[in-house]
PDB file of N, CA and C in Angstrom:
ATOM      1  N   UNK A   1      21.183  48.061 254.383  1.00  0.00           N
ATOM      2  CA  UNK A   1      20.208  48.019 253.315  1.00  0.00           C
ATOM      3  C   UNK A   1      20.945  48.225 251.997  1.00  0.00           C
ATOM      4  N   UNK A   2      20.596  47.414 251.027  1.00  0.00           N
ATOM      5  CA  UNK A   2      21.227  47.543 249.718  1.00  0.00           C
ATOM      6  C   UNK A   2      20.614  48.710 248.959  1.00  0.00           C
ATOM      7  N   UNK A   3      21.311  49.136 247.945  1.00  0.00           N
ATOM      8  CA  UNK A   3      20.794  50.217 247.105  1.00  0.00           C
ATOM      9  C   UNK A   3      19.469  49.823 246.468  1.00  0.00           C
ATOM     10  N   UNK A   4      19.393  48.576 245.975  1.00  0.00           N
ATOM     11  CA  UNK A   4      18.165  48.122 245.335  1.00  0.00           C
ATOM     12  C   UNK A   4      17.004  48.150 246.327  1.00  0.00           C
ATOM     13  N   UNK A   5      17.231  47.660 247.524  1.00  0.00           N
ATOM     14  CA  UNK A   5      16.167  47.634 248.529  1.00  0.00           C
ATOM     15  C   UNK A   5      15.746  49.041 248.913  1.00  0.00           C
ATOM     16  N   UNK A   6      16.696  49.936 249.030  1.00  0.00           N
ATOM     17  CA  UNK A   6      16.379  51.327 249.357  1.00  0.00           C
ATOM     18  C   UNK A   6      15.519  51.987 248.281  1.00  0.00           C
ATOM     19  N   UNK A   7      15.857  51.720 247.030  1.00  0.00           N
ATOM     20  CA  UNK A   7      15.076  52.270 245.914  1.00  0.00           C
ATOM     21  C   UNK A   7      13.685  51.636 245.895  1.00  0.00           C
ATOM     22  N   UNK A   8      13.623  50.319 246.114  1.00  0.00           N
ATOM     23  CA  UNK A   8      12.340  49.630 246.154  1.00  0.00           C
ATOM     24  C   UNK A   8      11.454  50.220 247.248  1.00  0.00           C
ATOM     25  N   UNK A   9      11.991  50.393 248.445  1.00  0.00           N
ATOM     26  CA  UNK A   9      11.216  50.938 249.562  1.00  0.00           C
ATOM     27  C   UNK A   9      10.719  52.354 249.263  1.00  0.00           C
ATOM     28  N   UNK A  10      11.578  53.174 248.673  1.00  0.00           N
ATOM     29  CA  UNK A  10      11.189  54.547 248.336  1.00  0.00           C
ATOM     30  C   UNK A  10      10.098  54.557 247.269  1.00  0.00           C
ATOM     31  N   UNK A  11      10.217  53.666 246.287  1.00  0.00           N
ATOM     32  CA  UNK A  11       9.221  53.593 245.215  1.00  0.00           C
ATOM     33  C   UNK A  11       7.874  53.114 245.761  1.00  0.00           C
ATOM     34  N   UNK A  12       7.888  52.117 246.634  1.00  0.00           N
ATOM     35  CA  UNK A  12       6.653  51.629 247.238  1.00  0.00           C
ATOM     36  C   UNK A  12       6.005  52.718 248.092  1.00  0.00           C
ATOM     37  N   UNK A  13       6.816  53.492 248.790  1.00  0.00           N
ATOM     38  CA  UNK A  13       6.285  54.612 249.567  1.00  0.00           C
ATOM     39  C   UNK A  13       5.628  55.624 248.649  1.00  0.00           C
ATOM     40  N   UNK A  14       6.280  55.916 247.534  1.00  0.00           N
ATOM     41  CA  UNK A  14       5.715  56.854 246.562  1.00  0.00           C
ATOM     42  C   UNK A  14       4.389  56.323 246.018  1.00  0.00           C
ATOM     43  N   UNK A  15       4.338  55.042 245.684  1.00  0.00           N
ATOM     44  CA  UNK A  15       3.102  54.444 245.181  1.00  0.00           C
ATOM     45  C   UNK A  15       1.987  54.484 246.222  1.00  0.00           C
ATOM     46  N   UNK A  16       2.337  54.277 247.478  1.00  0.00           N
ATOM     47  CA  UNK A  16       1.312  54.243 248.531  1.00  0.00           C
ATOM     48  C   UNK A  16       0.683  55.608 248.773  1.00  0.00           C
ATOM     49  N   UNK A  17       1.287  56.657 248.252  1.00  0.00           N
ATOM     50  CA  UNK A  17       0.745  58.005 248.410  1.00  0.00           C
ATOM     51  C   UNK A  17      -0.065  58.466 247.196  1.00  0.00           C
ATOM     52  N   UNK A  18      -0.382  57.545 246.288  1.00  0.00           N
ATOM     53  CA  UNK A  18      -1.142  57.906 245.095  1.00  0.00           C
ATOM     54  C   UNK A  18      -2.625  57.606 245.295  1.00  0.00           C
ATOM     55  N   UNK A  19      -3.480  58.302 244.547  1.00  0.00           N
ATOM     56  CA  UNK A  19      -4.922  57.979 244.594  1.00  0.00           C
ATOM     57  C   UNK A  19      -5.198  56.549 244.128  1.00  0.00           C
ATOM     58  N   UNK A  20      -4.358  56.049 243.245  1.00  0.00           N
ATOM     59  CA  UNK A  20      -4.541  54.693 242.734  1.00  0.00           C
ATOM     60  C   UNK A  20      -4.352  53.645 243.831  1.00  0.00           C
ATOM     61  N   UNK A  21      -3.524  53.952 244.816  1.00  0.00           N
ATOM     62  CA  UNK A  21      -3.332  53.012 245.925  1.00  0.00           C
ATOM     63  C   UNK A  21      -4.625  52.856 246.724  1.00  0.00           C
ATOM     64  N   UNK A  22      -5.410  53.919 246.797  1.00  0.00           N
ATOM     65  CA  UNK A  22      -6.713  53.857 247.472  1.00  0.00           C
ATOM     66  C   UNK A  22      -7.622  52.865 246.750  1.00  0.00           C
ATOM     67  N   UNK A  23      -7.521  52.813 245.431  1.00  0.00           N
ATOM     68  CA  UNK A  23      -8.297  51.848 244.646  1.00  0.00           C
ATOM     69  C   UNK A  23      -7.888  50.431 245.008  1.00  0.00           C
ATOM     70  N   UNK A  24      -6.600  50.200 245.176  1.00  0.00           N
ATOM     71  CA  UNK A  24      -6.108  48.869 245.545  1.00  0.00           C
ATOM     72  C   UNK A  24      -6.648  48.462 246.914  1.00  0.00           C
ATOM     73  N   UNK A  25      -6.728  49.409 247.834  1.00  0.00           N
ATOM     74  CA  UNK A  25      -7.308  49.114 249.155  1.00  0.00           C
ATOM     75  C   UNK A  25      -8.776  48.707 249.019  1.00  0.00           C
ATOM     76  N   UNK A  26      -9.510  49.390 248.136  1.00  0.00           N
ATOM     77  CA  UNK A  26     -10.917  49.046 247.896  1.00  0.00           C
ATOM     78  C   UNK A  26     -11.042  47.673 247.240  1.00  0.00           C
ATOM     79  N   UNK A  27     -10.136  47.363 246.334  1.00  0.00           N
ATOM     80  CA  UNK A  27     -10.137  46.051 245.684  1.00  0.00           C
ATOM     81  C   UNK A  27      -9.869  44.962 246.717  1.00  0.00           C
ATOM     82  N   UNK A  28      -8.928  45.207 247.591  1.00  0.00           N
ATOM     83  CA  UNK A  28      -8.596  44.254 248.660  1.00  0.00           C
ATOM     84  C   UNK A  28      -9.826  44.002 249.538  1.00  0.00           C
ATOM     85  N   UNK A  29     -10.563  45.061 249.855  1.00  0.00           N
ATOM     86  CA  UNK A  29     -11.788  44.933 250.649  1.00  0.00           C
ATOM     87  C   UNK A  29     -12.826  44.110 249.904  1.00  0.00           C
ATOM     88  N   UNK A  30     -12.979  44.359 248.588  1.00  0.00           N
ATOM     89  CA  UNK A  30     -13.941  43.603 247.792  1.00  0.00           C
ATOM     90  C   UNK A  30     -13.557  42.127 247.721  1.00  0.00           C
ATOM     91  N   UNK A  31     -12.285  41.853 247.538  1.00  0.00           N
ATOM     92  CA  UNK A  31     -11.827  40.455 247.484  1.00  0.00           C
ATOM     93  C   UNK A  31     -12.128  39.761 248.801  1.00  0.00           C
ATOM     94  N   UNK A  32     -11.829  40.401 249.905  1.00  0.00           N
ATOM     95  CA  UNK A  32     -12.073  39.824 251.231  1.00  0.00           C
ATOM     96  C   UNK A  32     -13.559  39.550 251.432  1.00  0.00           C
ATOM     97  N   UNK A  33     -14.405  40.486 251.007  1.00  0.00           N
ATOM     98  CA  UNK A  33     -15.858  40.297 251.124  1.00  0.00           C
ATOM     99  C   UNK A  33     -16.323  39.126 250.263  1.00  0.00           C
ATOM    100  N   UNK A  34     -15.789  39.012 249.060  1.00  0.00           N
ATOM    101  CA  UNK A  34     -16.173  37.911 248.177  1.00  0.00           C
ATOM    102  C   UNK A  34     -15.724  36.564 248.726  1.00  0.00           C
ATOM    103  N   UNK A  35     -14.603  36.540 249.429  1.00  0.00           N
ATOM    104  CA  UNK A  35     -14.116  35.289 250.000  1.00  0.00           C
ATOM    105  C   UNK A  35     -15.005  34.807 251.143  1.00  0.00           C
ATOM    106  N   UNK A  36     -15.768  35.699 251.738  1.00  0.00           N
ATOM    107  CA  UNK A  36     -16.681  35.332 252.814  1.00  0.00           C
ATOM    108  C   UNK A  36     -17.940  34.651 252.279  1.00  0.00           C
ATOM    109  N   UNK A  37     -18.184  34.763 250.980  1.00  0.00           N
ATOM    110  CA  UNK A  37     -19.352  34.132 250.362  1.00  0.00           C
ATOM    111  C   UNK A  37     -19.107  32.630 250.220  1.00  0.00           C
ATOM    112  N   UNK A  38     -20.166  31.838 250.262  1.00  0.00           N
ATOM    113  CA  UNK A  38     -19.974  30.381 250.153  1.00  0.00           C
ATOM    114  C   UNK A  38     -19.602  29.901 248.747  1.00  0.00           C
ATOM    115  N   UNK A  39     -19.799  30.720 247.728  1.00  0.00           N
ATOM    116  CA  UNK A  39     -19.489  30.273 246.370  1.00  0.00           C
ATOM    117  C   UNK A  39     -18.075  30.698 245.978  1.00  0.00           C
ATOM    118  N   UNK A  40     -17.397  29.848 245.260  1.00  0.00           N
ATOM    119  CA  UNK A  40     -16.040  30.145 244.802  1.00  0.00           C
ATOM    120  C   UNK A  40     -16.125  30.915 243.491  1.00  0.00           C
ATOM    121  N   UNK A  41     -15.424  32.027 243.441  1.00  0.00           N
ATOM    122  CA  UNK A  41     -15.378  32.828 242.223  1.00  0.00           C
ATOM    123  C   UNK A  41     -13.965  32.794 241.672  1.00  0.00           C
ATOM    124  N   UNK A  42     -13.838  32.454 240.408  1.00  0.00           N
ATOM    125  CA  UNK A  42     -12.528  32.392 239.778  1.00  0.00           C
ATOM    126  C   UNK A  42     -11.982  33.769 239.450  1.00  0.00           C
ATOM    127  N   UNK A  43     -12.891  34.724 239.241  1.00  0.00           N
ATOM    128  CA  UNK A  43     -12.490  36.081 238.887  1.00  0.00           C
ATOM    129  C   UNK A  43     -13.265  37.081 239.724  1.00  0.00           C
ATOM    130  N   UNK A  44     -12.599  38.168 240.053  1.00  0.00           N
ATOM    131  CA  UNK A  44     -13.222  39.291 240.740  1.00  0.00           C
ATOM    132  C   UNK A  44     -13.133  40.481 239.790  1.00  0.00           C
ATOM    133  N   UNK A  45     -14.268  41.108 239.533  1.00  0.00           N
ATOM    134  CA  UNK A  45     -14.293  42.292 238.668  1.00  0.00           C
ATOM    135  C   UNK A  45     -14.517  43.506 239.554  1.00  0.00           C
ATOM    136  N   UNK A  46     -13.622  44.476 239.429  1.00  0.00           N
ATOM    137  CA  UNK A  46     -13.742  45.726 240.169  1.00  0.00           C
ATOM    138  C   UNK A  46     -14.021  46.836 239.159  1.00  0.00           C
ATOM    139  N   UNK A  47     -15.106  47.576 239.389  1.00  0.00           N
ATOM    140  CA  UNK A  47     -15.493  48.669 238.497  1.00  0.00           C
ATOM    141  C   UNK A  47     -15.055  49.993 239.116  1.00  0.00           C
ATOM    142  N   UNK A  48     -14.353  50.793 238.339  1.00  0.00           N
ATOM    143  CA  UNK A  48     -13.881  52.100 238.814  1.00  0.00           C
ATOM    144  C   UNK A  48     -15.040  53.091 238.886  1.00  0.00           C
ATOM    145  N   UNK A  49     -14.939  54.044 239.806  1.00  0.00           N
ATOM    146  CA  UNK A  49     -15.949  55.101 239.920  1.00  0.00           C
ATOM    147  C   UNK A  49     -15.916  56.033 238.714  1.00  0.00           C
ATOM    148  N   UNK A  50     -14.715  56.292 238.209  1.00  0.00           N
ATOM    149  CA  UNK A  50     -14.536  57.157 237.043  1.00  0.00           C
ATOM    150  C   UNK A  50     -13.567  56.465 236.081  1.00  0.00           C
ATOM    151  N   UNK A  51     -13.676  56.738 234.782  1.00  0.00           N
ATOM    152  CA  UNK A  51     -12.752  56.116 233.822  1.00  0.00           C
ATOM    153  C   UNK A  51     -11.286  56.470 234.143  1.00  0.00           C
ATOM    154  N   UNK A  52     -10.409  55.516 233.913  1.00  0.00           N
ATOM    155  CA  UNK A  52      -8.985  55.685 234.201  1.00  0.00           C
ATOM    156  C   UNK A  52      -8.187  55.814 232.910  1.00  0.00           C
ATOM    157  N   UNK A  53      -7.249  56.754 232.912  1.00  0.00           N
ATOM    158  CA  UNK A  53      -6.362  56.942 231.767  1.00  0.00           C
ATOM    159  C   UNK A  53      -5.349  55.800 231.729  1.00  0.00           C
ATOM    160  N   UNK A  54      -4.620  55.712 230.623  1.00  0.00           N
ATOM    161  CA  UNK A  54      -3.557  54.698 230.519  1.00  0.00           C
ATOM    162  C   UNK A  54      -2.538  54.857 231.638  1.00  0.00           C
ATOM    163  N   UNK A  55      -2.163  56.104 231.954  1.00  0.00           N
ATOM    164  CA  UNK A  55      -1.189  56.349 233.019  1.00  0.00           C
ATOM    165  C   UNK A  55      -1.735  55.876 234.372  1.00  0.00           C
ATOM    166  N   UNK A  56      -2.989  56.169 234.639  1.00  0.00           N
ATOM    167  CA  UNK A  56      -3.592  55.716 235.897  1.00  0.00           C
ATOM    168  C   UNK A  56      -3.662  54.190 235.947  1.00  0.00           C
ATOM    169  N   UNK A  57      -3.963  53.562 234.823  1.00  0.00           N
ATOM    170  CA  UNK A  57      -3.996  52.101 234.761  1.00  0.00           C
ATOM    171  C   UNK A  57      -2.622  51.512 235.057  1.00  0.00           C
ATOM    172  N   UNK A  58      -1.576  52.138 234.552  1.00  0.00           N
ATOM    173  CA  UNK A  58      -0.214  51.670 234.805  1.00  0.00           C
ATOM    174  C   UNK A  58       0.141  51.802 236.280  1.00  0.00           C
ATOM    175  N   UNK A  59      -0.282  52.901 236.902  1.00  0.00           N
ATOM    176  CA  UNK A  59      -0.008  53.092 238.323  1.00  0.00           C
ATOM    177  C   UNK A  59      -0.790  52.075 239.151  1.00  0.00           C
ATOM    178  N   UNK A  60      -2.029  51.795 238.761  1.00  0.00           N
ATOM    179  CA  UNK A  60      -2.815  50.770 239.448  1.00  0.00           C
ATOM    180  C   UNK A  60      -2.099  49.427 239.364  1.00  0.00           C
ATOM    181  N   UNK A  61      -1.572  49.090 238.198  1.00  0.00           N
ATOM    182  CA  UNK A  61      -0.831  47.836 238.046  1.00  0.00           C
ATOM    183  C   UNK A  61       0.409  47.799 238.931  1.00  0.00           C
ATOM    184  N   UNK A  62       1.118  48.919 239.027  1.00  0.00           N
ATOM    185  CA  UNK A  62       2.292  48.969 239.905  1.00  0.00           C
ATOM    186  C   UNK A  62       1.882  48.801 241.363  1.00  0.00           C
ATOM    187  N   UNK A  63       0.779  49.429 241.752  1.00  0.00           N
ATOM    188  CA  UNK A  63       0.281  49.293 243.125  1.00  0.00           C
ATOM    189  C   UNK A  63      -0.139  47.851 243.406  1.00  0.00           C
ATOM    190  N   UNK A  64      -0.756  47.192 242.408  1.00  0.00           N
ATOM    191  CA  UNK A  64      -1.117  45.781 242.573  1.00  0.00           C
ATOM    192  C   UNK A  64       0.127  44.927 242.767  1.00  0.00           C
ATOM    193  N   UNK A  65       1.145  45.196 241.979  1.00  0.00           N
ATOM    194  CA  UNK A  65       2.381  44.436 242.085  1.00  0.00           C
ATOM    195  C   UNK A  65       2.996  44.592 243.474  1.00  0.00           C
ATOM    196  N   UNK A  66       2.988  45.803 243.993  1.00  0.00           N
ATOM    197  CA  UNK A  66       3.538  46.054 245.330  1.00  0.00           C
ATOM    198  C   UNK A  66       2.687  45.408 246.417  1.00  0.00           C
ATOM    199  N   UNK A  67       1.372  45.462 246.268  1.00  0.00           N
ATOM    200  CA  UNK A  67       0.454  44.962 247.302  1.00  0.00           C
ATOM    201  C   UNK A  67       0.234  43.454 247.229  1.00  0.00           C
ATOM    202  N   UNK A  68       0.016  42.931 246.003  1.00  0.00           N
ATOM    203  CA  UNK A  68      -0.352  41.528 245.841  1.00  0.00           C
ATOM    204  C   UNK A  68       0.759  40.643 245.293  1.00  0.00           C
ATOM    205  N   UNK A  69       1.783  41.258 244.693  1.00  0.00           N
ATOM    206  CA  UNK A  69       2.862  40.472 244.108  1.00  0.00           C
ATOM    207  C   UNK A  69       2.630  40.106 242.656  1.00  0.00           C
ATOM    208  N   UNK A  70       1.558  40.621 242.054  1.00  0.00           N
ATOM    209  CA  UNK A  70       1.274  40.404 240.636  1.00  0.00           C
ATOM    210  C   UNK A  70       0.482  41.598 240.117  1.00  0.00           C
ATOM    211  N   UNK A  71       0.442  41.730 238.790  1.00  0.00           N
ATOM    212  CA  UNK A  71      -0.389  42.762 238.169  1.00  0.00           C
ATOM    213  C   UNK A  71      -1.376  42.065 237.236  1.00  0.00           C
ATOM    214  N   UNK A  72      -2.093  42.823 236.422  1.00  0.00           N
ATOM    215  CA  UNK A  72      -3.094  42.228 235.544  1.00  0.00           C
ATOM    216  C   UNK A  72      -3.034  42.826 234.149  1.00  0.00           C
ATOM    217  N   UNK A  73      -3.341  41.998 233.181  1.00  0.00           N
ATOM    218  CA  UNK A  73      -3.506  42.471 231.806  1.00  0.00           C
ATOM    219  C   UNK A  73      -4.961  42.816 231.535  1.00  0.00           C
ATOM    220  N   UNK A  74      -5.827  42.432 232.465  1.00  0.00           N
ATOM    221  CA  UNK A  74      -7.261  42.635 232.313  1.00  0.00           C
ATOM    222  C   UNK A  74      -7.701  43.936 232.976  1.00  0.00           C
ATOM    223  N   UNK A  75      -7.190  45.043 232.460  1.00  0.00           N
ATOM    224  CA  UNK A  75      -7.531  46.350 233.001  1.00  0.00           C
ATOM    225  C   UNK A  75      -7.896  47.275 231.850  1.00  0.00           C
ATOM    226  N   UNK A  76      -8.903  48.079 232.065  1.00  0.00           N
ATOM    227  CA  UNK A  76      -9.341  49.033 231.058  1.00  0.00           C
ATOM    228  C   UNK A  76      -9.751  50.333 231.711  1.00  0.00           C
ATOM    229  N   UNK A  77     -10.397  51.178 230.966  1.00  0.00           N
ATOM    230  CA  UNK A  77     -10.811  52.479 231.481  1.00  0.00           C
ATOM    231  C   UNK A  77     -11.807  52.358 232.631  1.00  0.00           C
ATOM    232  N   UNK A  78     -12.676  51.344 232.571  1.00  0.00           N
ATOM    233  CA  UNK A  78     -13.789  51.271 233.509  1.00  0.00           C
ATOM    234  C   UNK A  78     -13.700  50.184 234.568  1.00  0.00           C
ATOM    235  N   UNK A  79     -12.827  49.199 234.358  1.00  0.00           N
ATOM    236  CA  UNK A  79     -12.768  48.107 235.338  1.00  0.00           C
ATOM    237  C   UNK A  79     -11.474  47.319 235.189  1.00  0.00           C
ATOM    238  N   UNK A  80     -11.271  46.435 236.159  1.00  0.00           N
ATOM    239  CA  UNK A  80     -10.185  45.467 236.067  1.00  0.00           C
ATOM    240  C   UNK A  80     -10.689  44.140 236.586  1.00  0.00           C
ATOM    241  N   UNK A  81     -10.077  43.082 236.087  1.00  0.00           N
ATOM    242  CA  UNK A  81     -10.443  41.736 236.502  1.00  0.00           C
ATOM    243  C   UNK A  81      -9.228  41.077 237.129  1.00  0.00           C
ATOM    244  N   UNK A  82      -9.456  40.501 238.297  1.00  0.00           N
ATOM    245  CA  UNK A  82      -8.397  39.763 238.976  1.00  0.00           C
ATOM    246  C   UNK A  82      -8.750  38.292 238.924  1.00  0.00           C
ATOM    247  N   UNK A  83      -7.841  37.496 238.428  1.00  0.00           N
ATOM    248  CA  UNK A  83      -7.994  36.054 238.412  1.00  0.00           C
ATOM    249  C   UNK A  83      -7.484  35.527 239.747  1.00  0.00           C
ATOM    250  N   UNK A  84      -8.362  34.902 240.503  1.00  0.00           N
ATOM    251  CA  UNK A  84      -8.043  34.512 241.872  1.00  0.00           C
ATOM    252  C   UNK A  84      -6.903  33.508 241.968  1.00  0.00           C
ATOM    253  N   UNK A  85      -6.665  32.715 240.931  1.00  0.00           N
ATOM    254  CA  UNK A  85      -5.590  31.723 241.003  1.00  0.00           C
ATOM    255  C   UNK A  85      -4.222  32.403 241.152  1.00  0.00           C
ATOM    256  N   UNK A  86      -4.144  33.688 240.860  1.00  0.00           N
ATOM    257  CA  UNK A  86      -2.867  34.391 241.028  1.00  0.00           C
ATOM    258  C   UNK A  86      -2.477  34.480 242.500  1.00  0.00           C
ATOM    259  N   UNK A  87      -3.416  34.275 243.399  1.00  0.00           N
ATOM    260  CA  UNK A  87      -3.101  34.288 244.815  1.00  0.00           C
ATOM    261  C   UNK A  87      -2.574  32.942 245.307  1.00  0.00           C
ATOM    262  N   UNK A  88      -2.681  31.911 244.471  1.00  0.00           N
ATOM    263  CA  UNK A  88      -2.201  30.585 244.871  1.00  0.00           C
ATOM    264  C   UNK A  88      -0.714  30.447 244.715  1.00  0.00           C
TER     265      UNK A  88
END
């Protein structure tokens, strides 16, 4: 294992132990549920249970990058928007 890969794996492990990672799991569930609907949605909006600080938003973006391979600029205190074309 290279040094870079070892650091990447350790960082992803650290991210997976954050409360923000739980949000990513909920977002993944919402996306999957929306994909079961017959209508195509270009964007998925996920509303947070409680407002998120800038630091929490940054951690959510890092968790998205680790889980989905991309992050979003469409994130605020109360929600985030995922553009579905990012999965293509």
